[in-house]
Amino acid sequence: VQLVESGGGLVQPGGSLRLSCAASGFTFSISAAGWYRQAPGKQREMVARISGGGLTGYADSVKGRFTISRDNAKNTVNLQMNSLKPEDTAVYYCTAGGTYYSPNQYWGQGTQVTVSS
């Protein structure tokens, strides 16, 4: 099983970033998937989740700003992040497997997102 994230980086407040994750080694199309993040000194939290059928859920802190999507033909899950704030700075992890409410059986290596002027 592999989950490989890409798309992190440095962005100014108010800017946008798109994270992508390529999955392999399991039946991704029927698997729940998600994005978690961990900021320095804080607990890891789930940011967004998506079922195999496309049902989505978001943390209150990112509702209306972040959008999770998936392409089952390409085995990818994406996170479009708009109106970024400094408090969004964290390592973002792609996850898959498990259940819709806890899609965290498998984890990627993480990608750094830094929001700063």
Protein backbone atom coordinates (compact mmCIF):
# COMPACT_ATOMS: atom_id res chain seq x y z
CA VAL A 1 0.00 0.00 0.00
CA GLN A 2 1.26 3.44 -0.93
CA LEU A 3 -0.14 6.92 -0.58
CA VAL A 4 2.05 9.63 -2.10
CA GLU A 5 1.16 13.28 -1.53
CA SER A 6 2.23 16.24 -3.63
CA GLY A 7 1.42 19.92 -3.90
CA GLY A 8 2.46 21.36 -0.55
CA GLY A 9 4.51 24.52 -0.20
CA LEU A 10 4.58 28.12 0.94
CA VAL A 11 1.66 30.41 0.19
CA GLN A 12 0.58 33.85 1.36
CA PRO A 13 -2.54 34.33 3.48
CA GLY A 14 -5.60 34.37 1.25
CA GLY A 15 -3.91 32.21 -1.34
CA SER A 16 -4.69 28.74 -2.63
CA LEU A 17 -3.00 25.37 -2.85
CA ARG A 18 -4.06 22.03 -4.26
CA LEU A 19 -2.83 18.83 -2.65
CA SER A 20 -2.93 15.56 -4.54
CA CYS A 21 -2.47 12.00 -3.40
CA ALA A 22 -1.81 8.95 -5.56
CA ALA A 23 -2.92 5.63 -4.09
CA SER A 24 -1.76 2.14 -4.98
CA GLY A 25 -1.73 -1.38 -3.59
CA PHE A 26 -5.38 -1.65 -2.56
CA THR A 27 -8.88 -1.22 -4.04
CA PHE A 28 -9.01 2.56 -3.82
CA SER A 29 -12.35 2.97 -5.60
CA ILE A 30 -14.34 1.41 -2.74
CA SER A 31 -12.21 2.88 0.02
CA ALA A 32 -12.94 5.92 2.13
CA ALA A 33 -10.20 8.54 1.96
CA GLY A 34 -9.30 11.70 3.75
CA TRP A 35 -6.84 14.40 4.67
CA TYR A 36 -5.51 14.98 8.16
CA ARG A 37 -3.15 17.66 9.38
CA GLN A 38 -0.85 18.25 12.31
CA ALA A 39 0.46 21.64 13.32
CA PRO A 40 3.46 22.07 15.62
CA GLY A 41 2.47 21.44 19.22
CA LYS A 42 -1.07 20.42 18.29
CA GLN A 43 -2.92 17.15 17.95
CA ARG A 44 -3.47 15.63 14.57
CA GLU A 45 -6.95 16.44 13.24
CA MET A 46 -9.06 15.31 10.34
CA VAL A 47 -9.58 18.06 7.78
CA ALA A 48 -11.80 16.38 5.18
CA ARG A 49 -13.10 12.95 4.26
CA ILE A 50 -14.75 11.35 1.27
CA SER A 51 -16.49 8.00 0.84
CA GLY A 52 -15.99 5.71 -2.12
CA GLY A 53 -19.26 7.04 -3.49
CA GLY A 54 -18.27 10.69 -3.08
CA LEU A 55 -19.98 11.67 0.19
CA THR A 56 -17.88 14.37 1.86
CA GLY A 57 -17.35 15.81 5.31
CA TYR A 58 -15.22 18.66 6.65
CA ALA A 59 -13.84 20.03 9.86
CA ASP A 60 -15.67 23.21 10.91
CA SER A 61 -12.43 25.16 10.62
CA VAL A 62 -12.19 24.55 6.86
CA LYS A 63 -15.82 24.41 5.71
CA GLY A 64 -16.43 26.67 2.76
CA ARG A 65 -12.70 27.00 2.05
CA PHE A 66 -11.47 23.46 1.38
CA THR A 67 -12.87 20.94 -1.09
CA ILE A 68 -12.00 17.25 -1.19
CA SER A 69 -12.48 15.26 -4.38
CA ARG A 70 -11.46 11.93 -5.83
CA ASP A 71 -10.87 10.36 -9.21
CA ASN A 72 -11.38 6.62 -8.89
CA ALA A 73 -10.17 6.01 -12.45
CA LYS A 74 -6.81 7.54 -11.54
CA ASN A 75 -6.73 6.38 -7.90
CA THR A 76 -6.25 9.90 -6.65
CA VAL A 77 -7.73 12.08 -3.92
CA ASN A 78 -7.29 15.83 -3.92
CA LEU A 79 -7.70 18.71 -1.51
CA GLN A 80 -8.33 22.16 -2.94
CA MET A 81 -7.51 24.75 -0.29
CA ASN A 82 -8.67 28.34 -0.80
CA SER A 83 -8.58 31.45 1.39
CA LEU A 84 -5.70 29.98 3.33
CA LYS A 85 -4.93 31.32 6.80
CA PRO A 86 -1.74 31.16 8.87
CA GLU A 87 -3.51 28.71 11.20
CA ASP A 88 -3.76 26.28 8.28
CA THR A 89 0.01 25.81 8.49
CA ALA A 90 0.66 22.13 9.18
CA VAL A 91 1.88 18.86 7.75
CA TYR A 92 -0.97 17.42 5.71
CA TYR A 93 -1.42 13.67 5.43
CA CYS A 94 -3.39 11.73 2.86
CA THR A 95 -5.24 8.75 4.33
CA ALA A 96 -7.38 5.90 3.07
CA GLY A 97 -9.06 2.73 4.24
CA GLY A 98 -10.93 2.32 7.51
CA THR A 99 -14.41 3.82 7.71
CA TYR A 100 -16.01 6.97 6.34
CA TYR A 101 -15.81 8.68 9.75
CA SER A 102 -12.25 7.41 10.38
CA PRO A 103 -10.64 6.90 6.96
CA ASN A 104 -7.18 6.35 8.42
CA GLN A 105 -6.08 2.74 7.94
CA TYR A 106 -3.34 3.83 5.57
CA TRP A 107 -1.23 7.00 5.75
CA GLY A 108 0.96 8.93 3.37
CA GLN A 109 4.28 10.45 4.39
CA GLY A 110 2.89 13.96 4.70
CA THR A 111 3.47 17.24 2.89
CA GLN A 112 4.21 20.61 4.48
CA VAL A 113 1.85 23.52 3.94
CA THR A 114 3.03 26.89 5.23
CA VAL A 115 0.81 29.96 5.11
CA SER A 116 2.84 33.07 5.77
CA SER A 117 3.51 36.52 4.40
